[in-house]
Amino acid sequence: MFGTALAMRAEQADLVEFGWGSAEVPFAPGEPVLEVLKRFRSLGGTYTAKAVRKHYRGHDRVLIVTDEQAAPYEPLPPAELVPAEIPVYTWNLAGYRPAHGPTGPHRHTFGGLTDAAFRMVGLIEAGRVAAWPWTADLDRAVGHGLALPERDLAASEPRS
């Protein structure tokens, strides 16, 4: 539900369901979230890296909502399949101790999910361009705002 709501809020997004397989889930602007959820299927497993490899197409950012288990046969963690300068945000809903990849610059993992999660991407990205009030970059920092930028994956959007 969370990934669907994020995708529908974004200017342009690709919504992807994943398990052992993966598929894009179609949706239309303004469509009820619960109607979109009816299109999801039970895919079993947690093959996150395979889904990222198949569906990442130059998106501005990748958002992953998962229990963060990882298929043991995957040689790379999901975030390593995305260029290092592209942000990857992972929400771990089950609290498994081992993560499917490290955190670091442009790699963010959150444990659990609350309504505050809807603002996390905008807050983190606004912080990258933050400026002190007396600097010339104030207009750029304030103008960045808290809206989700152009395109994400899983709720994901391809880059323009």
N, C-alpha and C. Protein backbone atom coordinates (compact mmCIF):
# COMPACT_ATOMS: atom_id res chain seq x y z
N MET A 1 0.83 -1.18 0.00
CA MET A 1 0.00 0.00 0.00
C MET A 1 0.88 1.26 0.00
N PHE A 2 1.94 1.24 0.81
CA PHE A 2 2.82 2.40 0.92
C PHE A 2 3.48 2.72 -0.42
N GLY A 3 4.03 1.71 -1.08
CA GLY A 3 4.67 1.94 -2.38
C GLY A 3 3.69 2.47 -3.40
N THR A 4 2.47 1.96 -3.37
CA THR A 4 1.44 2.43 -4.30
C THR A 4 1.12 3.90 -4.03
N ALA A 5 0.94 4.25 -2.78
CA ALA A 5 0.63 5.64 -2.43
C ALA A 5 1.77 6.57 -2.85
N LEU A 6 3.01 6.15 -2.63
CA LEU A 6 4.15 6.97 -3.05
C LEU A 6 4.19 7.14 -4.56
N ALA A 7 3.99 6.05 -5.29
CA ALA A 7 4.02 6.13 -6.75
C ALA A 7 2.94 7.07 -7.26
N MET A 8 1.77 7.01 -6.65
CA MET A 8 0.66 7.85 -7.12
C MET A 8 0.86 9.32 -6.78
N ARG A 9 1.67 9.61 -5.76
CA ARG A 9 1.96 11.00 -5.39
C ARG A 9 3.04 11.60 -6.28
N ALA A 10 3.87 10.77 -6.87
CA ALA A 10 5.00 11.25 -7.65
C ALA A 10 4.53 11.81 -8.99
N GLU A 11 5.33 12.70 -9.54
CA GLU A 11 5.03 13.29 -10.84
C GLU A 11 5.01 12.22 -11.93
N GLN A 12 5.97 11.30 -11.86
CA GLN A 12 6.07 10.22 -12.84
C GLN A 12 6.72 9.05 -12.12
N ALA A 13 6.10 7.88 -12.13
CA ALA A 13 6.64 6.74 -11.37
C ALA A 13 6.33 5.43 -12.06
N ASP A 14 7.20 4.46 -11.83
CA ASP A 14 6.95 3.08 -12.21
C ASP A 14 6.72 2.33 -10.90
N LEU A 15 5.60 1.66 -10.79
CA LEU A 15 5.27 0.88 -9.60
C LEU A 15 5.55 -0.58 -9.93
N VAL A 16 6.37 -1.24 -9.13
CA VAL A 16 6.79 -2.61 -9.42
C VAL A 16 6.49 -3.50 -8.22
N GLU A 17 5.85 -4.64 -8.47
CA GLU A 17 5.68 -5.65 -7.43
C GLU A 17 6.79 -6.67 -7.64
N PHE A 18 7.26 -7.28 -6.53
CA PHE A 18 8.31 -8.28 -6.69
C PHE A 18 8.21 -9.34 -5.62
N GLY A 19 8.74 -10.48 -5.94
CA GLY A 19 8.85 -11.66 -5.09
C GLY A 19 9.89 -12.51 -5.80
N TRP A 20 9.55 -13.75 -6.18
CA TRP A 20 10.46 -14.53 -7.02
C TRP A 20 10.47 -13.97 -8.44
N GLY A 21 9.39 -13.37 -8.83
CA GLY A 21 9.31 -12.67 -10.11
C GLY A 21 9.00 -11.22 -9.84
N SER A 22 8.77 -10.46 -10.89
CA SER A 22 8.42 -9.05 -10.72
C SER A 22 7.64 -8.58 -11.93
N ALA A 23 6.87 -7.53 -11.75
CA ALA A 23 6.09 -6.96 -12.85
C ALA A 23 5.70 -5.54 -12.51
N GLU A 24 5.58 -4.70 -13.53
CA GLU A 24 5.06 -3.36 -13.31
C GLU A 24 3.57 -3.46 -13.02
N VAL A 25 3.10 -2.61 -12.14
CA VAL A 25 1.68 -2.55 -11.79
C VAL A 25 1.14 -1.24 -12.35
N PRO A 26 0.22 -1.33 -13.32
CA PRO A 26 -0.30 -0.10 -13.93
C PRO A 26 -1.22 0.66 -12.98
N PHE A 27 -1.20 1.97 -13.11
CA PHE A 27 -2.12 2.82 -12.34
C PHE A 27 -2.32 4.12 -13.10
N ALA A 28 -3.42 4.79 -12.79
CA ALA A 28 -3.72 6.07 -13.43
C ALA A 28 -3.76 7.16 -12.37
N PRO A 29 -3.37 8.39 -12.73
CA PRO A 29 -3.43 9.49 -11.77
C PRO A 29 -4.85 9.63 -11.20
N GLY A 30 -4.93 9.80 -9.90
CA GLY A 30 -6.21 10.01 -9.24
C GLY A 30 -6.99 8.73 -8.97
N GLU A 31 -6.50 7.60 -9.42
CA GLU A 31 -7.17 6.33 -9.19
C GLU A 31 -7.11 5.98 -7.70
N PRO A 32 -8.15 5.38 -7.13
CA PRO A 32 -8.10 4.99 -5.71
C PRO A 32 -6.99 3.96 -5.46
N VAL A 33 -6.22 4.18 -4.40
CA VAL A 33 -5.12 3.28 -4.04
C VAL A 33 -5.63 1.84 -3.89
N LEU A 34 -6.78 1.67 -3.26
CA LEU A 34 -7.29 0.31 -3.04
C LEU A 34 -7.61 -0.41 -4.35
N GLU A 35 -7.98 0.34 -5.38
CA GLU A 35 -8.21 -0.29 -6.70
C GLU A 35 -6.90 -0.77 -7.30
N VAL A 36 -5.84 0.01 -7.14
CA VAL A 36 -4.53 -0.38 -7.66
C VAL A 36 -4.03 -1.62 -6.92
N LEU A 37 -4.27 -1.68 -5.62
CA LEU A 37 -3.81 -2.83 -4.84
C LEU A 37 -4.40 -4.15 -5.32
N LYS A 38 -5.57 -4.12 -5.91
CA LYS A 38 -6.20 -5.34 -6.42
C LYS A 38 -5.40 -5.96 -7.57
N ARG A 39 -4.50 -5.19 -8.17
CA ARG A 39 -3.71 -5.69 -9.30
C ARG A 39 -2.45 -6.44 -8.85
N PHE A 40 -2.12 -6.34 -7.56
CA PHE A 40 -0.95 -7.05 -7.06
C PHE A 40 -1.25 -8.53 -6.93
N ARG A 41 -0.23 -9.36 -7.18
CA ARG A 41 -0.37 -10.80 -7.07
C ARG A 41 0.56 -11.32 -5.99
N SER A 42 0.36 -12.51 -5.55
CA SER A 42 1.26 -13.15 -4.60
C SER A 42 2.41 -13.76 -5.38
N LEU A 43 3.60 -13.20 -5.24
CA LEU A 43 4.75 -13.66 -6.02
C LEU A 43 5.73 -14.47 -5.19
N GLY A 44 5.48 -14.61 -3.86
CA GLY A 44 6.36 -15.38 -3.00
C GLY A 44 7.78 -14.83 -2.99
N GLY A 45 8.57 -15.22 -2.02
CA GLY A 45 9.99 -14.88 -1.98
C GLY A 45 10.29 -13.40 -1.90
N THR A 46 11.56 -13.09 -1.88
CA THR A 46 12.03 -11.70 -1.83
C THR A 46 13.27 -11.60 -2.71
N TYR A 47 13.07 -11.51 -4.00
CA TYR A 47 14.19 -11.43 -4.94
C TYR A 47 14.32 -9.98 -5.40
N THR A 48 14.72 -9.13 -4.48
CA THR A 48 14.76 -7.69 -4.70
C THR A 48 15.75 -7.30 -5.81
N ALA A 49 16.96 -7.86 -5.74
CA ALA A 49 17.98 -7.49 -6.72
C ALA A 49 17.54 -7.82 -8.14
N LYS A 50 16.89 -8.95 -8.32
CA LYS A 50 16.41 -9.34 -9.65
C LYS A 50 15.39 -8.32 -10.17
N ALA A 51 14.51 -7.85 -9.29
CA ALA A 51 13.50 -6.86 -9.68
C ALA A 51 14.17 -5.53 -10.04
N VAL A 52 15.16 -5.10 -9.26
CA VAL A 52 15.85 -3.85 -9.56
C VAL A 52 16.58 -3.98 -10.89
N ARG A 53 17.25 -5.10 -11.11
CA ARG A 53 17.98 -5.31 -12.37
C ARG A 53 17.03 -5.24 -13.56
N LYS A 54 15.85 -5.83 -13.43
CA LYS A 54 14.91 -5.89 -14.54
C LYS A 54 14.23 -4.54 -14.81
N HIS A 55 13.93 -3.78 -13.76
CA HIS A 55 13.08 -2.60 -13.92
C HIS A 55 13.79 -1.25 -13.81
N TYR A 56 15.03 -1.22 -13.31
CA TYR A 56 15.71 0.08 -13.21
C TYR A 56 16.10 0.53 -14.61
N ARG A 57 15.63 1.73 -14.98
CA ARG A 57 15.92 2.29 -16.30
C ARG A 57 16.27 3.77 -16.18
N GLY A 58 17.31 4.06 -15.44
CA GLY A 58 17.76 5.44 -15.33
C GLY A 58 16.86 6.31 -14.48
N HIS A 59 16.19 5.75 -13.49
CA HIS A 59 15.32 6.51 -12.61
C HIS A 59 16.12 7.52 -11.78
N ASP A 60 15.45 8.57 -11.33
CA ASP A 60 16.08 9.58 -10.46
C ASP A 60 16.35 9.04 -9.07
N ARG A 61 15.57 8.08 -8.65
CA ARG A 61 15.72 7.48 -7.33
C ARG A 61 15.00 6.14 -7.35
N VAL A 62 15.32 5.29 -6.38
CA VAL A 62 14.68 3.98 -6.24
C VAL A 62 14.17 3.88 -4.81
N LEU A 63 12.89 3.53 -4.67
CA LEU A 63 12.30 3.31 -3.35
C LEU A 63 11.88 1.85 -3.27
N ILE A 64 12.32 1.17 -2.22
CA ILE A 64 12.03 -0.26 -2.05
C ILE A 64 11.32 -0.45 -0.73
N VAL A 65 10.16 -1.10 -0.77
CA VAL A 65 9.41 -1.45 0.43
C VAL A 65 9.47 -2.96 0.52
N THR A 66 10.06 -3.50 1.59
CA THR A 66 10.40 -4.91 1.64
C THR A 66 10.51 -5.42 3.07
N ASP A 67 10.61 -6.74 3.22
CA ASP A 67 10.96 -7.31 4.52
C ASP A 67 12.48 -7.43 4.62
N GLU A 68 13.17 -7.09 3.57
CA GLU A 68 14.62 -7.03 3.43
C GLU A 68 15.31 -8.39 3.53
N GLN A 69 14.57 -9.47 3.37
CA GLN A 69 15.24 -10.74 3.17
C GLN A 69 15.86 -10.65 1.78
N ALA A 70 16.86 -11.45 1.52
CA ALA A 70 17.49 -11.41 0.21
C ALA A 70 17.73 -12.82 -0.29
N ALA A 71 17.50 -13.04 -1.57
CA ALA A 71 17.78 -14.34 -2.18
C ALA A 71 19.28 -14.60 -2.10
N PRO A 72 19.68 -15.76 -1.60
CA PRO A 72 21.10 -16.02 -1.39
C PRO A 72 21.92 -16.18 -2.67
N TYR A 73 21.27 -16.36 -3.81
CA TYR A 73 22.02 -16.60 -5.04
C TYR A 73 22.36 -15.33 -5.78
N GLU A 74 21.93 -14.20 -5.29
CA GLU A 74 22.19 -12.94 -5.98
C GLU A 74 23.59 -12.46 -5.62
N PRO A 75 24.47 -12.24 -6.61
CA PRO A 75 25.84 -11.83 -6.31
C PRO A 75 25.96 -10.39 -5.80
N LEU A 76 25.00 -9.52 -6.12
CA LEU A 76 25.08 -8.12 -5.69
C LEU A 76 23.84 -7.72 -4.92
N PRO A 77 23.99 -6.87 -3.91
CA PRO A 77 22.82 -6.31 -3.23
C PRO A 77 22.03 -5.41 -4.19
N PRO A 78 20.74 -5.22 -3.96
CA PRO A 78 19.90 -4.44 -4.88
C PRO A 78 20.44 -3.05 -5.18
N ALA A 79 20.93 -2.33 -4.19
CA ALA A 79 21.38 -0.95 -4.41
C ALA A 79 22.64 -0.88 -5.27
N GLU A 80 23.42 -1.94 -5.32
CA GLU A 80 24.64 -1.93 -6.13
C GLU A 80 24.33 -2.02 -7.62
N LEU A 81 23.09 -2.31 -7.96
CA LEU A 81 22.68 -2.37 -9.36
C LEU A 81 22.26 -0.99 -9.88
N VAL A 82 22.28 0.00 -8.99
CA VAL A 82 21.89 1.37 -9.30
C VAL A 82 23.15 2.23 -9.20
N PRO A 83 23.39 3.16 -10.13
CA PRO A 83 24.58 4.00 -10.04
C PRO A 83 24.71 4.67 -8.66
N ALA A 84 25.93 4.80 -8.18
CA ALA A 84 26.21 5.28 -6.82
C ALA A 84 25.62 6.66 -6.53
N GLU A 85 25.48 7.51 -7.55
CA GLU A 85 24.97 8.87 -7.31
C GLU A 85 23.44 8.93 -7.28
N ILE A 86 22.76 7.83 -7.56
CA ILE A 86 21.29 7.77 -7.55
C ILE A 86 20.84 7.29 -6.18
N PRO A 87 19.98 8.05 -5.49
CA PRO A 87 19.53 7.63 -4.16
C PRO A 87 18.67 6.37 -4.20
N VAL A 88 18.92 5.47 -3.23
CA VAL A 88 18.11 4.28 -3.03
C VAL A 88 17.60 4.33 -1.59
N TYR A 89 16.28 4.27 -1.43
CA TYR A 89 15.63 4.32 -0.13
C TYR A 89 14.96 2.97 0.10
N THR A 90 15.25 2.33 1.22
CA THR A 90 14.65 1.03 1.54
C THR A 90 13.90 1.14 2.86
N TRP A 91 12.65 0.69 2.86
CA TRP A 91 11.87 0.58 4.09
C TRP A 91 11.78 -0.89 4.44
N ASN A 92 12.40 -1.28 5.57
CA ASN A 92 12.38 -2.65 6.06
C ASN A 92 11.18 -2.79 6.98
N LEU A 93 10.17 -3.50 6.53
CA LEU A 93 8.92 -3.61 7.28
C LEU A 93 8.91 -4.76 8.28
N ALA A 94 9.84 -5.70 8.17
CA ALA A 94 9.80 -6.87 9.04
C ALA A 94 10.86 -6.83 10.14
N GLY A 95 11.87 -6.02 9.98
CA GLY A 95 12.88 -5.90 11.01
C GLY A 95 13.91 -7.01 11.05
N TYR A 96 14.14 -7.69 9.92
CA TYR A 96 15.21 -8.67 9.89
C TYR A 96 16.52 -7.97 10.16
N ARG A 97 17.35 -8.57 11.00
CA ARG A 97 18.59 -7.92 11.40
C ARG A 97 19.56 -7.71 10.23
N PRO A 98 19.86 -8.76 9.44
CA PRO A 98 20.77 -8.50 8.31
C PRO A 98 20.06 -7.73 7.20
N ALA A 99 20.70 -6.70 6.73
CA ALA A 99 20.13 -5.89 5.66
C ALA A 99 20.54 -6.45 4.31
N HIS A 100 19.82 -6.08 3.25
CA HIS A 100 20.20 -6.58 1.93
C HIS A 100 21.28 -5.72 1.28
N GLY A 101 21.74 -4.71 1.98
CA GLY A 101 22.83 -3.89 1.46
C GLY A 101 23.25 -2.85 2.48
N PRO A 102 24.44 -2.31 2.32
CA PRO A 102 24.92 -1.30 3.27
C PRO A 102 24.25 0.05 3.06
N THR A 103 24.27 0.87 4.10
CA THR A 103 23.84 2.25 3.97
C THR A 103 25.10 3.08 3.70
N GLY A 104 24.91 4.30 3.30
CA GLY A 104 26.03 5.18 3.01
C GLY A 104 25.53 6.31 2.15
N PRO A 105 26.45 7.03 1.48
CA PRO A 105 26.00 8.14 0.64
C PRO A 105 24.98 7.65 -0.40
N HIS A 106 23.85 8.28 -0.43
CA HIS A 106 22.77 7.98 -1.37
C HIS A 106 22.13 6.61 -1.14
N ARG A 107 22.39 5.98 0.00
CA ARG A 107 21.78 4.69 0.34
C ARG A 107 21.19 4.81 1.74
N HIS A 108 19.87 4.73 1.85
CA HIS A 108 19.18 4.96 3.11
C HIS A 108 18.25 3.79 3.41
N THR A 109 18.32 3.28 4.64
CA THR A 109 17.43 2.20 5.07
C THR A 109 16.71 2.64 6.32
N PHE A 110 15.39 2.41 6.34
CA PHE A 110 14.55 2.79 7.47
C PHE A 110 13.91 1.53 8.03
N GLY A 111 13.89 1.41 9.35
CA GLY A 111 13.24 0.27 10.00
C GLY A 111 11.81 0.66 10.35
N GLY A 112 10.85 -0.07 9.82
CA GLY A 112 9.46 0.20 10.11
C GLY A 112 8.88 1.26 9.20
N LEU A 113 7.61 1.55 9.46
CA LEU A 113 6.89 2.46 8.58
C LEU A 113 5.82 3.20 9.38
N THR A 114 5.84 4.52 9.28
CA THR A 114 4.80 5.35 9.87
C THR A 114 4.39 6.38 8.82
N ASP A 115 3.43 7.22 9.16
CA ASP A 115 3.02 8.26 8.21
C ASP A 115 4.16 9.24 7.95
N ALA A 116 5.12 9.35 8.84
CA ALA A 116 6.27 10.23 8.62
C ALA A 116 7.12 9.77 7.45
N ALA A 117 7.03 8.50 7.08
CA ALA A 117 7.84 7.97 5.98
C ALA A 117 7.54 8.68 4.66
N PHE A 118 6.32 9.18 4.49
CA PHE A 118 5.97 9.87 3.25
C PHE A 118 6.83 11.12 3.04
N ARG A 119 7.36 11.68 4.11
CA ARG A 119 8.15 12.91 3.99
C ARG A 119 9.65 12.66 3.95
N MET A 120 10.09 11.46 4.24
CA MET A 120 11.52 11.19 4.38
C MET A 120 12.34 11.52 3.13
N VAL A 121 11.88 11.11 1.97
CA VAL A 121 12.65 11.34 0.74
C VAL A 121 12.84 12.83 0.52
N GLY A 122 11.77 13.59 0.61
CA GLY A 122 11.88 15.04 0.41
C GLY A 122 12.78 15.71 1.43
N LEU A 123 12.69 15.29 2.68
CA LEU A 123 13.54 15.87 3.72
C LEU A 123 15.02 15.57 3.47
N ILE A 124 15.31 14.33 3.16
CA ILE A 124 16.71 13.96 2.91
C ILE A 124 17.25 14.70 1.69
N GLU A 125 16.47 14.74 0.62
CA GLU A 125 16.96 15.39 -0.59
C GLU A 125 17.04 16.90 -0.43
N ALA A 126 16.15 17.50 0.33
CA ALA A 126 16.25 18.93 0.60
C ALA A 126 17.49 19.23 1.44
N GLY A 127 17.85 18.30 2.32
CA GLY A 127 19.04 18.48 3.14
C GLY A 127 20.33 18.49 2.34
N ARG A 128 20.32 17.84 1.18
CA ARG A 128 21.53 17.83 0.34
C ARG A 128 21.84 19.20 -0.24
N VAL A 129 20.81 20.03 -0.40
CA VAL A 129 21.03 21.36 -0.97
C VAL A 129 20.77 22.45 0.06
N ALA A 130 20.74 22.08 1.33
CA ALA A 130 20.45 23.04 2.39
C ALA A 130 21.54 24.12 2.43
N ALA A 131 21.14 25.31 2.83
CA ALA A 131 22.08 26.43 2.91
C ALA A 131 21.79 27.24 4.16
N TRP A 132 22.80 27.92 4.65
CA TRP A 132 22.59 28.84 5.76
C TRP A 132 21.85 30.06 5.23
N PRO A 133 21.05 30.71 6.06
CA PRO A 133 20.25 31.85 5.60
C PRO A 133 21.07 32.98 4.99
N TRP A 134 22.31 33.14 5.37
CA TRP A 134 23.12 34.25 4.89
C TRP A 134 23.94 33.88 3.64
N THR A 135 23.72 32.68 3.08
CA THR A 135 24.49 32.31 1.89
C THR A 135 23.68 32.55 0.63
N ALA A 136 24.35 32.59 -0.50
CA ALA A 136 23.69 32.84 -1.78
C ALA A 136 22.84 31.66 -2.23
N ASP A 137 23.04 30.48 -1.63
CA ASP A 137 22.30 29.29 -2.05
C ASP A 137 20.94 29.16 -1.37
N LEU A 138 20.51 30.15 -0.61
CA LEU A 138 19.25 30.05 0.12
C LEU A 138 18.07 29.81 -0.83
N ASP A 139 17.99 30.56 -1.93
CA ASP A 139 16.87 30.38 -2.85
C ASP A 139 16.83 28.97 -3.41
N ARG A 140 17.98 28.40 -3.73
CA ARG A 140 18.03 27.04 -4.27
C ARG A 140 17.57 26.04 -3.21
N ALA A 141 18.00 26.22 -1.95
CA ALA A 141 17.62 25.28 -0.89
C ALA A 141 16.13 25.38 -0.58
N VAL A 142 15.60 26.59 -0.48
CA VAL A 142 14.19 26.76 -0.17
C VAL A 142 13.35 26.30 -1.34
N GLY A 143 13.76 26.61 -2.56
CA GLY A 143 13.01 26.23 -3.75
C GLY A 143 12.95 24.73 -3.97
N HIS A 144 13.88 23.98 -3.38
CA HIS A 144 13.90 22.53 -3.57
C HIS A 144 12.64 21.89 -2.98
N GLY A 145 12.16 22.43 -1.87
CA GLY A 145 10.91 21.96 -1.28
C GLY A 145 10.95 20.54 -0.78
N LEU A 146 9.78 20.02 -0.42
CA LEU A 146 9.68 18.67 0.12
C LEU A 146 8.89 17.74 -0.79
N ALA A 147 8.55 18.18 -1.96
CA ALA A 147 7.80 17.32 -2.88
C ALA A 147 8.72 16.23 -3.42
N LEU A 148 8.16 15.09 -3.73
CA LEU A 148 8.96 14.03 -4.35
C LEU A 148 9.34 14.47 -5.76
N PRO A 149 10.63 14.48 -6.07
CA PRO A 149 11.06 14.87 -7.40
C PRO A 149 10.62 13.87 -8.47
N GLU A 150 11.02 14.16 -9.68
CA GLU A 150 10.47 13.57 -10.89
C GLU A 150 10.22 12.07 -10.89
N ARG A 151 11.21 11.21 -10.82
CA ARG A 151 10.95 9.80 -11.13
C ARG A 151 11.60 8.84 -10.15
N ASP A 152 10.86 7.82 -9.72
CA ASP A 152 11.33 6.80 -8.78
C ASP A 152 11.02 5.40 -9.29
N LEU A 153 11.69 4.40 -8.71
CA LEU A 153 11.41 2.99 -9.04
C LEU A 153 11.02 2.25 -7.79
N ALA A 154 10.03 1.41 -7.89
CA ALA A 154 9.55 0.41 -6.92
C ALA A 154 8.81 1.00 -5.73
N ALA A 155 8.20 1.92 -5.45
CA ALA A 155 7.51 2.90 -6.24
C ALA A 155 8.63 3.62 -6.98
N SER A 156 8.73 3.45 -8.26
CA SER A 156 9.87 3.98 -8.94
C SER A 156 9.50 4.77 -10.16
N GLU A 157 10.36 5.69 -10.47
CA GLU A 157 10.12 6.55 -11.62
C GLU A 157 11.37 6.58 -12.49
N PRO A 158 11.25 6.44 -13.80
CA PRO A 158 12.40 6.58 -14.70
C PRO A 158 12.84 8.03 -14.85
N ARG A 159 14.10 8.23 -15.03
CA ARG A 159 14.65 9.57 -15.18
C ARG A 159 14.32 10.12 -16.55
N SER A 160 14.01 11.42 -16.60
CA SER A 160 13.69 12.08 -17.88
C SER A 160 14.92 12.20 -18.73
